[in-house]
């Protein structure tokens, strides 16, 4: 079962309650009130998450969070696993 479009593990996110996030799969607009390119891309293509995209992993997906010091590898690995199910 997937938790997000980009591979974030929402169930273990320490900030989830703090920012009142219920996960991008359930939200119309991201908790920060802006637009998420990954969420929009998946929804426009009719995909549950990026792991099932023929362009996986695209540059946009691979760069998310890097500027904040996050390593994208765990998210990308999680998406590969989700795509298997």
N, C-alpha and C. Protein backbone atom coordinates (compact mmCIF):
# COMPACT_ATOMS: atom_id res chain seq x y z
N UNK A 1 0.85 -1.18 0.00
CA UNK A 1 0.00 0.00 0.00
C UNK A 1 0.89 1.24 0.00
N UNK A 2 0.62 2.15 -0.88
CA UNK A 2 1.39 3.38 -0.94
C UNK A 2 0.85 4.42 0.02
N UNK A 3 1.72 5.31 0.49
CA UNK A 3 1.33 6.35 1.45
C UNK A 3 1.37 7.74 0.86
N UNK A 4 2.14 7.93 -0.18
CA UNK A 4 2.30 9.25 -0.78
C UNK A 4 2.58 9.10 -2.27
N UNK A 5 2.63 10.20 -2.95
CA UNK A 5 2.93 10.17 -4.39
C UNK A 5 4.43 10.06 -4.62
N UNK A 6 5.24 10.67 -3.74
CA UNK A 6 6.69 10.79 -3.95
C UNK A 6 7.53 9.78 -3.18
N UNK A 7 6.90 8.94 -2.37
CA UNK A 7 7.64 7.94 -1.62
C UNK A 7 7.90 8.29 -0.17
N UNK A 8 7.42 9.43 0.28
CA UNK A 8 7.55 9.78 1.70
C UNK A 8 6.72 8.78 2.50
N UNK A 9 7.27 8.33 3.59
CA UNK A 9 6.56 7.41 4.47
C UNK A 9 5.76 8.24 5.48
N UNK A 10 4.54 8.56 5.14
CA UNK A 10 3.71 9.44 5.95
C UNK A 10 3.50 8.90 7.37
N UNK A 11 3.38 7.59 7.50
CA UNK A 11 3.13 6.98 8.80
C UNK A 11 4.24 7.19 9.81
N UNK A 12 5.45 7.43 9.34
CA UNK A 12 6.58 7.63 10.25
C UNK A 12 7.09 9.07 10.26
N UNK A 13 6.37 9.97 9.59
CA UNK A 13 6.80 11.37 9.52
C UNK A 13 6.62 12.05 10.87
N UNK A 14 7.71 12.58 11.40
CA UNK A 14 7.68 13.25 12.71
C UNK A 14 6.93 14.58 12.66
N UNK A 15 6.82 15.19 11.50
CA UNK A 15 6.17 16.49 11.38
C UNK A 15 4.68 16.40 11.04
N UNK A 16 4.18 15.22 10.79
CA UNK A 16 2.81 15.01 10.34
C UNK A 16 1.78 15.72 11.21
N UNK A 17 1.83 15.49 12.51
CA UNK A 17 0.86 16.11 13.42
C UNK A 17 1.10 17.60 13.57
N UNK A 18 2.36 17.98 13.63
CA UNK A 18 2.74 19.38 13.81
C UNK A 18 2.18 20.27 12.69
N UNK A 19 2.23 19.80 11.46
CA UNK A 19 1.76 20.60 10.33
C UNK A 19 0.35 20.20 9.88
N UNK A 20 -0.27 19.28 10.63
CA UNK A 20 -1.63 18.81 10.34
C UNK A 20 -1.76 18.25 8.93
N UNK A 21 -0.84 17.39 8.59
CA UNK A 21 -0.82 16.77 7.28
C UNK A 21 -1.51 15.41 7.34
N UNK A 22 -2.43 15.18 6.43
CA UNK A 22 -3.11 13.89 6.35
C UNK A 22 -2.62 13.09 5.16
N UNK A 23 -1.60 13.57 4.49
CA UNK A 23 -1.02 12.87 3.35
C UNK A 23 -1.55 13.38 2.02
N UNK A 24 -0.67 13.47 1.05
CA UNK A 24 -1.03 14.06 -0.23
C UNK A 24 -2.06 13.25 -1.00
N UNK A 25 -2.15 11.97 -0.72
CA UNK A 25 -3.12 11.14 -1.42
C UNK A 25 -4.54 11.54 -1.02
N UNK A 26 -4.70 12.00 0.23
CA UNK A 26 -6.01 12.39 0.75
C UNK A 26 -6.30 13.88 0.65
N UNK A 27 -5.27 14.68 0.42
CA UNK A 27 -5.44 16.13 0.43
C UNK A 27 -5.67 16.68 -0.97
N UNK A 28 -6.50 17.70 -1.06
CA UNK A 28 -6.69 18.39 -2.33
C UNK A 28 -5.52 19.33 -2.57
N UNK A 29 -5.15 20.05 -1.51
CA UNK A 29 -4.04 21.00 -1.56
C UNK A 29 -3.04 20.58 -0.48
N UNK A 30 -1.73 20.59 -0.77
CA UNK A 30 -0.74 20.25 0.26
C UNK A 30 -0.87 21.12 1.51
N UNK A 31 -0.44 20.60 2.64
CA UNK A 31 -0.60 21.29 3.91
C UNK A 31 -0.01 22.68 3.93
N UNK A 32 0.98 22.97 3.08
CA UNK A 32 1.60 24.29 3.07
C UNK A 32 0.81 25.28 2.22
N UNK A 33 -0.23 24.79 1.54
CA UNK A 33 -1.11 25.66 0.79
C UNK A 33 -0.66 25.97 -0.62
N UNK A 34 0.50 25.48 -1.02
CA UNK A 34 1.01 25.71 -2.36
C UNK A 34 0.67 24.56 -3.28
N UNK A 35 1.47 24.41 -4.30
CA UNK A 35 1.28 23.33 -5.26
C UNK A 35 2.47 22.38 -5.18
N UNK A 36 2.19 21.11 -5.26
CA UNK A 36 3.25 20.11 -5.31
C UNK A 36 3.30 19.56 -6.73
N UNK A 37 4.42 19.77 -7.39
CA UNK A 37 4.57 19.31 -8.76
C UNK A 37 4.44 17.81 -8.90
N UNK A 38 4.95 17.07 -7.93
CA UNK A 38 4.89 15.60 -7.99
C UNK A 38 3.44 15.14 -7.84
N UNK A 39 2.75 15.69 -6.87
CA UNK A 39 1.34 15.34 -6.67
C UNK A 39 0.54 15.65 -7.93
N UNK A 40 0.71 16.83 -8.48
CA UNK A 40 -0.01 17.24 -9.68
C UNK A 40 0.31 16.33 -10.86
N UNK A 41 1.58 16.01 -11.04
CA UNK A 41 2.00 15.16 -12.14
C UNK A 41 1.35 13.78 -12.04
N UNK A 42 1.39 13.18 -10.87
CA UNK A 42 0.78 11.86 -10.69
C UNK A 42 -0.71 11.89 -10.97
N UNK A 43 -1.37 12.91 -10.45
CA UNK A 43 -2.82 13.00 -10.64
C UNK A 43 -3.17 13.23 -12.10
N UNK A 44 -2.40 14.06 -12.80
CA UNK A 44 -2.66 14.32 -14.22
C UNK A 44 -2.45 13.06 -15.06
N UNK A 45 -1.53 12.21 -14.64
CA UNK A 45 -1.24 10.97 -15.38
C UNK A 45 -2.08 9.78 -14.90
N UNK A 46 -2.87 10.00 -13.86
CA UNK A 46 -3.69 8.92 -13.32
C UNK A 46 -2.90 7.87 -12.56
N UNK A 47 -1.77 8.28 -11.96
CA UNK A 47 -0.90 7.35 -11.23
C UNK A 47 -1.13 7.46 -9.72
N UNK A 48 -1.04 6.35 -9.03
CA UNK A 48 -1.12 6.37 -7.57
C UNK A 48 0.12 7.03 -6.98
N UNK A 49 1.28 6.72 -7.58
CA UNK A 49 2.55 7.26 -7.09
C UNK A 49 3.58 7.19 -8.21
N UNK A 50 4.70 7.84 -8.00
CA UNK A 50 5.74 7.95 -9.03
C UNK A 50 6.39 6.62 -9.39
N UNK A 51 6.34 5.66 -8.53
CA UNK A 51 6.98 4.37 -8.79
C UNK A 51 6.39 3.62 -9.98
N UNK A 52 5.20 4.00 -10.40
CA UNK A 52 4.57 3.33 -11.54
C UNK A 52 4.69 4.15 -12.83
N UNK A 53 5.43 5.22 -12.79
CA UNK A 53 5.59 6.09 -13.95
C UNK A 53 6.67 5.55 -14.89
N UNK A 54 6.44 5.68 -16.18
CA UNK A 54 7.43 5.21 -17.16
C UNK A 54 8.69 6.09 -17.15
N UNK A 55 8.60 7.28 -16.58
CA UNK A 55 9.74 8.19 -16.50
C UNK A 55 10.46 8.13 -15.14
N UNK A 56 10.08 7.18 -14.31
CA UNK A 56 10.68 7.03 -12.98
C UNK A 56 12.15 6.65 -13.09
N UNK A 57 13.01 7.28 -12.32
CA UNK A 57 12.80 8.47 -11.51
C UNK A 57 13.13 9.72 -12.31
N UNK A 58 12.21 10.64 -12.37
CA UNK A 58 12.45 11.88 -13.11
C UNK A 58 13.28 12.85 -12.26
N UNK A 59 13.73 13.90 -12.88
CA UNK A 59 14.56 14.88 -12.18
C UNK A 59 13.80 15.54 -11.03
N UNK A 60 12.54 15.92 -11.29
CA UNK A 60 11.75 16.58 -10.25
C UNK A 60 11.67 15.70 -9.00
N UNK A 61 11.34 14.44 -9.17
CA UNK A 61 11.23 13.52 -8.05
C UNK A 61 12.57 13.34 -7.34
N UNK A 62 13.62 13.21 -8.10
CA UNK A 62 14.95 12.96 -7.55
C UNK A 62 15.54 14.14 -6.81
N UNK A 63 15.04 15.33 -7.07
CA UNK A 63 15.58 16.54 -6.44
C UNK A 63 14.81 16.99 -5.21
N UNK A 64 13.60 16.49 -4.99
CA UNK A 64 12.78 16.94 -3.86
C UNK A 64 13.52 16.74 -2.54
N UNK A 65 13.59 17.80 -1.77
CA UNK A 65 14.18 17.76 -0.44
C UNK A 65 15.68 17.88 -0.37
N UNK A 66 16.37 17.75 -1.49
CA UNK A 66 17.84 17.84 -1.47
C UNK A 66 18.31 19.18 -0.92
N UNK A 67 17.60 20.25 -1.28
CA UNK A 67 17.99 21.58 -0.81
C UNK A 67 17.80 21.74 0.69
N UNK A 68 17.05 20.84 1.31
CA UNK A 68 16.85 20.85 2.76
C UNK A 68 17.67 19.78 3.46
N UNK A 69 18.53 19.12 2.70
CA UNK A 69 19.42 18.12 3.28
C UNK A 69 18.89 16.70 3.33
N UNK A 70 17.77 16.43 2.67
CA UNK A 70 17.21 15.08 2.68
C UNK A 70 17.80 14.24 1.55
N UNK A 71 18.07 13.00 1.85
CA UNK A 71 18.58 12.04 0.88
C UNK A 71 17.38 11.42 0.14
N UNK A 72 17.32 11.53 -1.17
CA UNK A 72 16.17 10.98 -1.90
C UNK A 72 16.18 9.45 -2.01
N UNK A 73 17.29 8.81 -1.76
CA UNK A 73 17.40 7.35 -1.96
C UNK A 73 16.33 6.54 -1.22
N UNK A 74 16.05 6.79 0.06
CA UNK A 74 15.02 5.99 0.73
C UNK A 74 13.64 6.13 0.09
N UNK A 75 13.29 7.33 -0.36
CA UNK A 75 12.00 7.53 -1.02
C UNK A 75 11.93 6.77 -2.33
N UNK A 76 13.02 6.85 -3.10
CA UNK A 76 13.04 6.17 -4.39
C UNK A 76 12.97 4.66 -4.22
N UNK A 77 13.67 4.14 -3.23
CA UNK A 77 13.64 2.70 -2.94
C UNK A 77 12.24 2.27 -2.51
N UNK A 78 11.60 3.11 -1.70
CA UNK A 78 10.24 2.81 -1.24
C UNK A 78 9.28 2.77 -2.43
N UNK A 79 9.42 3.69 -3.37
CA UNK A 79 8.56 3.71 -4.55
C UNK A 79 8.73 2.46 -5.39
N UNK A 80 9.97 1.97 -5.50
CA UNK A 80 10.21 0.72 -6.23
C UNK A 80 9.46 -0.42 -5.56
N UNK A 81 9.50 -0.47 -4.23
CA UNK A 81 8.79 -1.51 -3.49
C UNK A 81 7.29 -1.39 -3.66
N UNK A 82 6.76 -0.16 -3.55
CA UNK A 82 5.32 0.04 -3.72
C UNK A 82 4.87 -0.39 -5.11
N UNK A 83 5.70 -0.15 -6.12
CA UNK A 83 5.34 -0.49 -7.50
C UNK A 83 5.22 -2.00 -7.71
N UNK A 84 5.86 -2.77 -6.86
CA UNK A 84 5.80 -4.23 -6.96
C UNK A 84 4.47 -4.80 -6.53
N UNK A 85 3.68 -4.01 -5.80
CA UNK A 85 2.42 -4.52 -5.22
C UNK A 85 1.22 -4.06 -5.96
